[in-house]
Amino acid sequence: MAAPIADKIILPLDTGNTGKKVRTQTRVVGADTVHEHYFVQASKHDIVGMYYANSGILTPPVAVQNGTTSGMFWFQNPSGGLKAATIRRLKEFVQFAALAVDLVPGDFRYSRFTFTGTASGAVLSPARRDSNDAAPVCDIRTASTGMTVTLVATIRAHSGPHMGLATGGAGSFASQENDPTVMDEDEGIVIRPGEGVVYWSALALTTANRRTLVNLLWNEWVI
């Protein structure tokens, strides 16, 4: 079977046409300058910015949290806005801070919620991917103060490490890292105004010696 041969189609000049144009790029092939079609990856949404944030060091408590009035943080999109957010990545690290027997691995959940009211809890400021991106609308609160939260459903959960050494025993434990595949746009969790995601502990622990840290990536787009 013969190998394919590069060829071209010559089109007439179209300088008088004021309609829509097909975008191409040119490249020299042999003695000719040819037009090539190419694809520019674009979102179906009108994205105004992408944002990174981390939760800081969090301490899961011994007691069970409920995700509404108790939790580790609340990612929220204020009510009445004109932008939605797509969460593209949730990555967490879990480690022990002190030596103590704790055979319960935990049940740390990300749950969707809706809310009324205006969040007034302490806020964690995100970083823009590009300094030209619009200021973010969504934020992360370390308390649900000002919001009346209603849980909707759990979207993701993970456990933590457990420790079986007696107090005073020797040993060290590497930080447990959970790094799921980066979500493409259609897989990402969409957070519309008046909605959010809470990170909370749904299982009682033996000790409060674990520490967890979460990194988030999301974009925002005009509804």
C-alpha atoms as a PDB file:
ATOM      1  CA  MET A   1       0.000   0.000   0.000  1.00  0.00           C
ATOM      2  CA  ALA A   2       1.425   3.329  -1.041  1.00  0.00           C
ATOM      3  CA  ALA A   3       2.159   5.953   1.592  1.00  0.00           C
ATOM      4  CA  PRO A   4      -0.187   8.975   1.692  1.00  0.00           C
ATOM      5  CA  ILE A   5       0.969  12.059  -0.180  1.00  0.00           C
ATOM      6  CA  ALA A   6       0.421  15.572   1.178  1.00  0.00           C
ATOM      7  CA  ASP A   7      -1.742  17.588  -1.182  1.00  0.00           C
ATOM      8  CA  LYS A   8      -3.771  20.791  -1.161  1.00  0.00           C
ATOM      9  CA  ILE A   9      -6.984  22.398  -2.398  1.00  0.00           C
ATOM     10  CA  ILE A  10      -6.673  25.898  -3.834  1.00  0.00           C
ATOM     11  CA  LEU A  11      -9.542  28.236  -2.937  1.00  0.00           C
ATOM     12  CA  PRO A  12     -10.332  31.544  -4.627  1.00  0.00           C
ATOM     13  CA  LEU A  13      -9.683  34.817  -2.819  1.00  0.00           C
ATOM     14  CA  ASP A  14     -12.552  35.761  -0.546  1.00  0.00           C
ATOM     15  CA  THR A  15     -11.786  39.373   0.272  1.00  0.00           C
ATOM     16  CA  GLY A  16     -15.301  40.575  -0.607  1.00  0.00           C
ATOM     17  CA  ASN A  17     -17.131  38.194   1.720  1.00  0.00           C
ATOM     18  CA  THR A  18     -18.211  39.807   5.022  1.00  0.00           C
ATOM     19  CA  GLY A  19     -19.765  36.656   6.495  1.00  0.00           C
ATOM     20  CA  LYS A  20     -18.305  34.174   8.982  1.00  0.00           C
ATOM     21  CA  LYS A  21     -14.799  32.963   8.286  1.00  0.00           C
ATOM     22  CA  VAL A  22     -13.079  29.630   8.876  1.00  0.00           C
ATOM     23  CA  ARG A  23     -10.014  30.066  11.048  1.00  0.00           C
ATOM     24  CA  THR A  24      -6.837  28.457   9.696  1.00  0.00           C
ATOM     25  CA  GLN A  25      -3.094  28.674  10.119  1.00  0.00           C
ATOM     26  CA  THR A  26      -0.516  28.629   7.353  1.00  0.00           C
ATOM     27  CA  ARG A  27       2.583  26.507   6.876  1.00  0.00           C
ATOM     28  CA  VAL A  28       5.033  26.111   4.039  1.00  0.00           C
ATOM     29  CA  VAL A  29       4.911  22.638   2.476  1.00  0.00           C
ATOM     30  CA  GLY A  30       7.401  22.236  -0.295  1.00  0.00           C
ATOM     31  CA  ALA A  31       7.068  25.260  -2.546  1.00  0.00           C
ATOM     32  CA  ASP A  32       3.585  26.186  -1.349  1.00  0.00           C
ATOM     33  CA  THR A  33       2.109  28.053   1.582  1.00  0.00           C
ATOM     34  CA  VAL A  34      -0.873  26.002   2.656  1.00  0.00           C
ATOM     35  CA  HIS A  35      -3.736  26.671   5.047  1.00  0.00           C
ATOM     36  CA  GLU A  36      -4.270  24.105   7.800  1.00  0.00           C
ATOM     37  CA  HIS A  37      -7.312  23.669   9.980  1.00  0.00           C
ATOM     38  CA  TYR A  38      -6.667  23.415  13.700  1.00  0.00           C
ATOM     39  CA  PHE A  39      -8.752  23.168  16.841  1.00  0.00           C
ATOM     40  CA  VAL A  40      -8.668  25.579  19.739  1.00  0.00           C
ATOM     41  CA  GLN A  41      -9.867  23.867  22.918  1.00  0.00           C
ATOM     42  CA  ALA A  42     -12.519  26.028  24.502  1.00  0.00           C
ATOM     43  CA  SER A  43     -15.090  25.703  27.247  1.00  0.00           C
ATOM     44  CA  LYS A  44     -18.799  25.602  26.590  1.00  0.00           C
ATOM     45  CA  HIS A  45     -19.043  28.086  29.471  1.00  0.00           C
ATOM     46  CA  ASP A  46     -18.027  31.723  29.605  1.00  0.00           C
ATOM     47  CA  ILE A  47     -15.202  31.168  32.104  1.00  0.00           C
ATOM     48  CA  VAL A  48     -14.040  34.312  33.889  1.00  0.00           C
ATOM     49  CA  GLY A  49     -11.314  32.782  36.046  1.00  0.00           C
ATOM     50  CA  MET A  50      -9.730  29.756  37.663  1.00  0.00           C
ATOM     51  CA  TYR A  51      -8.766  29.643  41.329  1.00  0.00           C
ATOM     52  CA  TYR A  52      -6.578  27.672  43.716  1.00  0.00           C
ATOM     53  CA  ALA A  53      -7.051  27.472  47.477  1.00  0.00           C
ATOM     54  CA  ASN A  54      -5.977  25.334  50.393  1.00  0.00           C
ATOM     55  CA  SER A  55      -7.794  24.722  53.622  1.00  0.00           C
ATOM     56  CA  GLY A  56      -4.829  25.111  55.924  1.00  0.00           C
ATOM     57  CA  ILE A  57      -4.192  22.469  58.580  1.00  0.00           C
ATOM     58  CA  LEU A  58      -7.478  20.984  59.827  1.00  0.00           C
ATOM     59  CA  THR A  59      -8.051  18.853  62.936  1.00  0.00           C
ATOM     60  CA  PRO A  60     -10.825  16.253  62.620  1.00  0.00           C
ATOM     61  CA  PRO A  61     -12.430  16.050  66.074  1.00  0.00           C
ATOM     62  CA  VAL A  62     -13.213  12.914  68.048  1.00  0.00           C
ATOM     63  CA  ALA A  63     -16.953  13.638  67.918  1.00  0.00           C
ATOM     64  CA  VAL A  64     -19.002  13.155  64.755  1.00  0.00           C
ATOM     65  CA  GLN A  65     -19.719  16.333  62.796  1.00  0.00           C
ATOM     66  CA  ASN A  66     -23.050  16.967  61.045  1.00  0.00           C
ATOM     67  CA  GLY A  67     -21.899  19.039  58.056  1.00  0.00           C
ATOM     68  CA  THR A  68     -24.395  21.803  58.786  1.00  0.00           C
ATOM     69  CA  THR A  69     -23.323  23.527  61.992  1.00  0.00           C
ATOM     70  CA  SER A  70     -20.132  21.503  62.483  1.00  0.00           C
ATOM     71  CA  GLY A  71     -17.577  20.664  59.822  1.00  0.00           C
ATOM     72  CA  MET A  72     -14.049  21.447  58.675  1.00  0.00           C
ATOM     73  CA  PHE A  73     -14.830  23.937  55.911  1.00  0.00           C
ATOM     74  CA  TRP A  74     -17.652  25.144  53.650  1.00  0.00           C
ATOM     75  CA  PHE A  75     -16.996  26.060  50.003  1.00  0.00           C
ATOM     76  CA  GLN A  76     -19.904  28.325  49.068  1.00  0.00           C
ATOM     77  CA  ASN A  77     -21.301  30.357  46.183  1.00  0.00           C
ATOM     78  CA  PRO A  78     -23.241  33.333  47.624  1.00  0.00           C
ATOM     79  CA  SER A  79     -26.958  33.498  46.865  1.00  0.00           C
ATOM     80  CA  GLY A  80     -28.257  35.870  44.218  1.00  0.00           C
ATOM     81  CA  GLY A  81     -25.130  35.934  42.072  1.00  0.00           C
ATOM     82  CA  LEU A  82     -24.775  35.554  38.311  1.00  0.00           C
ATOM     83  CA  LYS A  83     -21.846  33.120  38.264  1.00  0.00           C
ATOM     84  CA  ALA A  84     -21.551  29.391  38.819  1.00  0.00           C
ATOM     85  CA  ALA A  85     -18.448  27.417  39.745  1.00  0.00           C
ATOM     86  CA  THR A  86     -17.132  24.051  38.617  1.00  0.00           C
ATOM     87  CA  ILE A  87     -14.930  22.222  41.109  1.00  0.00           C
ATOM     88  CA  ARG A  88     -12.164  20.642  39.059  1.00  0.00           C
ATOM     89  CA  ARG A  89     -10.014  19.076  41.772  1.00  0.00           C
ATOM     90  CA  LEU A  90     -10.110  18.040  45.440  1.00  0.00           C
ATOM     91  CA  LYS A  91      -6.841  16.712  46.827  1.00  0.00           C
ATOM     92  CA  GLU A  92      -6.213  15.966  50.489  1.00  0.00           C
ATOM     93  CA  PHE A  93      -3.402  14.842  52.764  1.00  0.00           C
ATOM     94  CA  VAL A  94      -3.958  13.138  56.143  1.00  0.00           C
ATOM     95  CA  GLN A  95      -1.312  12.558  58.822  1.00  0.00           C
ATOM     96  CA  PHE A  96      -0.982  11.875  62.563  1.00  0.00           C
ATOM     97  CA  ALA A  97       0.294  14.719  64.720  1.00  0.00           C
ATOM     98  CA  ALA A  98       1.012  12.635  67.830  1.00  0.00           C
ATOM     99  CA  LEU A  99       1.662   9.024  68.732  1.00  0.00           C
ATOM    100  CA  ALA A 100      -1.510   7.370  69.998  1.00  0.00           C
ATOM    101  CA  VAL A 101      -3.426   4.205  69.239  1.00  0.00           C
ATOM    102  CA  ASP A 102      -6.321   4.937  66.870  1.00  0.00           C
ATOM    103  CA  LEU A 103      -7.671   1.999  64.890  1.00  0.00           C
ATOM    104  CA  VAL A 104     -10.570   3.942  63.352  1.00  0.00           C
ATOM    105  CA  PRO A 105      -9.610   5.205  59.873  1.00  0.00           C
ATOM    106  CA  GLY A 106     -12.373   7.803  59.738  1.00  0.00           C
ATOM    107  CA  ASP A 107     -14.989   8.789  57.193  1.00  0.00           C
ATOM    108  CA  PHE A 108     -14.233  12.229  55.785  1.00  0.00           C
ATOM    109  CA  ARG A 109     -16.898  13.440  53.361  1.00  0.00           C
ATOM    110  CA  TYR A 110     -17.494  16.130  50.778  1.00  0.00           C
ATOM    111  CA  SER A 111     -21.231  16.789  50.631  1.00  0.00           C
ATOM    112  CA  ARG A 112     -23.289  19.138  48.530  1.00  0.00           C
ATOM    113  CA  PHE A 113     -25.471  21.578  50.395  1.00  0.00           C
ATOM    114  CA  THR A 114     -27.899  24.389  49.822  1.00  0.00           C
ATOM    115  CA  PHE A 115     -28.221  27.330  52.158  1.00  0.00           C
ATOM    116  CA  THR A 116     -30.043  30.503  52.997  1.00  0.00           C
ATOM    117  CA  GLY A 117     -28.524  33.563  54.601  1.00  0.00           C
ATOM    118  CA  THR A 118     -25.137  35.215  54.103  1.00  0.00           C
ATOM    119  CA  ALA A 119     -21.920  33.527  55.179  1.00  0.00           C
ATOM    120  CA  SER A 120     -19.958  35.456  57.787  1.00  0.00           C
ATOM    121  CA  GLY A 121     -17.539  32.827  59.123  1.00  0.00           C
ATOM    122  CA  ALA A 122     -13.786  33.243  58.762  1.00  0.00           C
ATOM    123  CA  VAL A 123     -12.817  33.165  55.084  1.00  0.00           C
ATOM    124  CA  LEU A 124      -9.817  31.606  53.335  1.00  0.00           C
ATOM    125  CA  SER A 125      -8.693  33.708  50.365  1.00  0.00           C
ATOM    126  CA  PRO A 126      -8.022  31.850  47.093  1.00  0.00           C
ATOM    127  CA  ALA A 127      -5.265  32.590  44.572  1.00  0.00           C
ATOM    128  CA  ARG A 128      -6.067  33.451  40.964  1.00  0.00           C
ATOM    129  CA  ARG A 129      -4.544  31.309  38.240  1.00  0.00           C
ATOM    130  CA  ASP A 130      -3.869  34.507  36.270  1.00  0.00           C
ATOM    131  CA  SER A 131      -3.699  38.016  37.710  1.00  0.00           C
ATOM    132  CA  ASN A 132      -6.070  39.082  34.911  1.00  0.00           C
ATOM    133  CA  ASP A 133      -8.772  36.663  36.064  1.00  0.00           C
ATOM    134  CA  ALA A 134     -11.828  38.235  37.644  1.00  0.00           C
ATOM    135  CA  ALA A 135     -12.033  38.360  41.430  1.00  0.00           C
ATOM    136  CA  PRO A 136     -13.575  35.084  42.665  1.00  0.00           C
ATOM    137  CA  VAL A 137     -17.196  34.996  43.777  1.00  0.00           C
ATOM    138  CA  CYS A 138     -16.943  31.715  45.707  1.00  0.00           C
ATOM    139  CA  ASP A 139     -14.955  31.366  48.897  1.00  0.00           C
ATOM    140  CA  ILE A 140     -14.101  28.908  51.665  1.00  0.00           C
ATOM    141  CA  ARG A 141     -15.439  29.428  55.180  1.00  0.00           C
ATOM    142  CA  THR A 142     -14.061  27.700  58.249  1.00  0.00           C
ATOM    143  CA  ALA A 143     -17.450  28.065  59.996  1.00  0.00           C
ATOM    144  CA  SER A 144     -21.017  28.057  58.681  1.00  0.00           C
ATOM    145  CA  THR A 145     -21.906  31.197  60.649  1.00  0.00           C
ATOM    146  CA  GLY A 146     -24.644  33.186  58.906  1.00  0.00           C
ATOM    147  CA  MET A 147     -25.776  30.266  56.762  1.00  0.00           C
ATOM    148  CA  THR A 148     -28.640  27.859  57.369  1.00  0.00           C
ATOM    149  CA  VAL A 149     -27.239  24.748  55.705  1.00  0.00           C
ATOM    150  CA  THR A 150     -29.184  21.794  54.310  1.00  0.00           C
ATOM    151  CA  LEU A 151     -27.162  18.757  53.200  1.00  0.00           C
ATOM    152  CA  VAL A 152     -28.087  17.341  49.791  1.00  0.00           C
ATOM    153  CA  ALA A 153     -25.829  14.344  49.065  1.00  0.00           C
ATOM    154  CA  THR A 154     -22.263  13.135  49.504  1.00  0.00           C
ATOM    155  CA  ILE A 155     -20.195  13.491  46.347  1.00  0.00           C
ATOM    156  CA  ARG A 156     -16.945  11.966  47.595  1.00  0.00           C
ATOM    157  CA  ALA A 157     -15.466  10.438  50.756  1.00  0.00           C
ATOM    158  CA  HIS A 158     -12.127   9.094  51.944  1.00  0.00           C
ATOM    159  CA  SER A 159     -10.622   7.493  55.036  1.00  0.00           C
ATOM    160  CA  GLY A 160      -7.403   8.338  56.865  1.00  0.00           C
ATOM    161  CA  PRO A 161      -4.474   6.347  58.254  1.00  0.00           C
ATOM    162  CA  HIS A 162      -4.889   4.388  61.481  1.00  0.00           C
ATOM    163  CA  MET A 163      -2.256   3.810  64.161  1.00  0.00           C
ATOM    164  CA  GLY A 164      -1.818   0.522  66.017  1.00  0.00           C
ATOM    165  CA  LEU A 165       1.293   1.287  68.063  1.00  0.00           C
ATOM    166  CA  ALA A 166       1.035   1.604  71.810  1.00  0.00           C
ATOM    167  CA  THR A 167       1.688   5.053  73.223  1.00  0.00           C
ATOM    168  CA  GLY A 168       5.428   5.548  73.485  1.00  0.00           C
ATOM    169  CA  GLY A 169       6.208   3.025  70.764  1.00  0.00           C
ATOM    170  CA  ALA A 170       8.599   3.780  67.930  1.00  0.00           C
ATOM    171  CA  GLY A 171       7.678   4.332  64.330  1.00  0.00           C
ATOM    172  CA  SER A 172       6.553   6.903  61.817  1.00  0.00           C
ATOM    173  CA  PHE A 173       3.718   7.111  59.327  1.00  0.00           C
ATOM    174  CA  ALA A 174       3.888   8.736  55.916  1.00  0.00           C
ATOM    175  CA  SER A 175       1.189  11.255  55.089  1.00  0.00           C
ATOM    176  CA  GLN A 176      -1.737   9.646  53.306  1.00  0.00           C
ATOM    177  CA  GLU A 177      -2.352  11.385  49.992  1.00  0.00           C
ATOM    178  CA  ASN A 178      -5.571  11.178  48.000  1.00  0.00           C
ATOM    179  CA  ASP A 179      -5.153  12.627  44.528  1.00  0.00           C
ATOM    180  CA  PRO A 180      -7.974  11.686  42.151  1.00  0.00           C
ATOM    181  CA  THR A 181      -7.731  12.295  38.445  1.00  0.00           C
ATOM    182  CA  VAL A 182      -8.322  15.926  37.584  1.00  0.00           C
ATOM    183  CA  MET A 183     -11.961  16.223  36.594  1.00  0.00           C
ATOM    184  CA  ASP A 184     -12.695  17.420  33.083  1.00  0.00           C
ATOM    185  CA  GLU A 185     -15.349  20.060  32.683  1.00  0.00           C
ATOM    186  CA  ASP A 186     -18.274  17.698  32.303  1.00  0.00           C
ATOM    187  CA  GLU A 187     -17.261  15.651  35.374  1.00  0.00           C
ATOM    188  CA  GLY A 188     -16.727  18.604  37.694  1.00  0.00           C
ATOM    189  CA  ILE A 189     -19.233  19.409  40.428  1.00  0.00           C
ATOM    190  CA  VAL A 190     -21.224  22.523  39.466  1.00  0.00           C
ATOM    191  CA  ILE A 191     -21.965  24.910  42.341  1.00  0.00           C
ATOM    192  CA  ARG A 192     -24.644  27.484  41.562  1.00  0.00           C
ATOM    193  CA  PRO A 193     -25.604  30.507  43.679  1.00  0.00           C
ATOM    194  CA  GLY A 194     -26.968  29.371  47.035  1.00  0.00           C
ATOM    195  CA  GLU A 195     -25.071  26.068  46.882  1.00  0.00           C
ATOM    196  CA  GLY A 196     -21.806  24.705  48.228  1.00  0.00           C
ATOM    197  CA  VAL A 197     -19.704  21.726  49.325  1.00  0.00           C
ATOM    198  CA  VAL A 198     -18.847  21.001  52.956  1.00  0.00           C
ATOM    199  CA  TYR A 199     -15.911  18.880  54.168  1.00  0.00           C
ATOM    200  CA  TRP A 200     -16.797  17.069  57.401  1.00  0.00           C
ATOM    201  CA  SER A 201     -16.085  14.025  59.563  1.00  0.00           C
ATOM    202  CA  ALA A 202     -18.955  11.526  59.590  1.00  0.00           C
ATOM    203  CA  LEU A 203     -17.445   8.921  61.945  1.00  0.00           C
ATOM    204  CA  ALA A 204     -16.376   9.180  65.590  1.00  0.00           C
ATOM    205  CA  LEU A 205     -12.606   8.852  66.083  1.00  0.00           C
ATOM    206  CA  THR A 206     -10.617   7.507  69.014  1.00  0.00           C
ATOM    207  CA  THR A 207      -8.285  10.528  69.134  1.00  0.00           C
ATOM    208  CA  ALA A 208      -8.061  14.026  67.679  1.00  0.00           C
ATOM    209  CA  ASN A 209      -4.482  13.412  66.556  1.00  0.00           C
ATOM    210  CA  ARG A 210      -5.065  13.454  62.806  1.00  0.00           C
ATOM    211  CA  ARG A 211      -4.360  16.484  60.674  1.00  0.00           C
ATOM    212  CA  THR A 212      -5.711  16.956  57.169  1.00  0.00           C
ATOM    213  CA  LEU A 213      -5.105  19.534  54.473  1.00  0.00           C
ATOM    214  CA  VAL A 214      -7.173  19.974  51.320  1.00  0.00           C
ATOM    215  CA  ASN A 215      -6.211  21.664  48.043  1.00  0.00           C
ATOM    216  CA  LEU A 216      -8.994  22.868  45.742  1.00  0.00           C
ATOM    217  CA  LEU A 217      -9.121  23.996  42.136  1.00  0.00           C
ATOM    218  CA  TRP A 218     -12.237  25.508  40.557  1.00  0.00           C
ATOM    219  CA  ASN A 219     -13.307  27.816  37.774  1.00  0.00           C
ATOM    220  CA  GLU A 220     -16.154  30.304  37.648  1.00  0.00           C
ATOM    221  CA  TRP A 221     -18.342  31.125  34.692  1.00  0.00           C
ATOM    222  CA  VAL A 222     -21.198  33.430  33.776  1.00  0.00           C
ATOM    223  CA  ILE A 223     -24.602  31.749  34.011  1.00  0.00           C
END
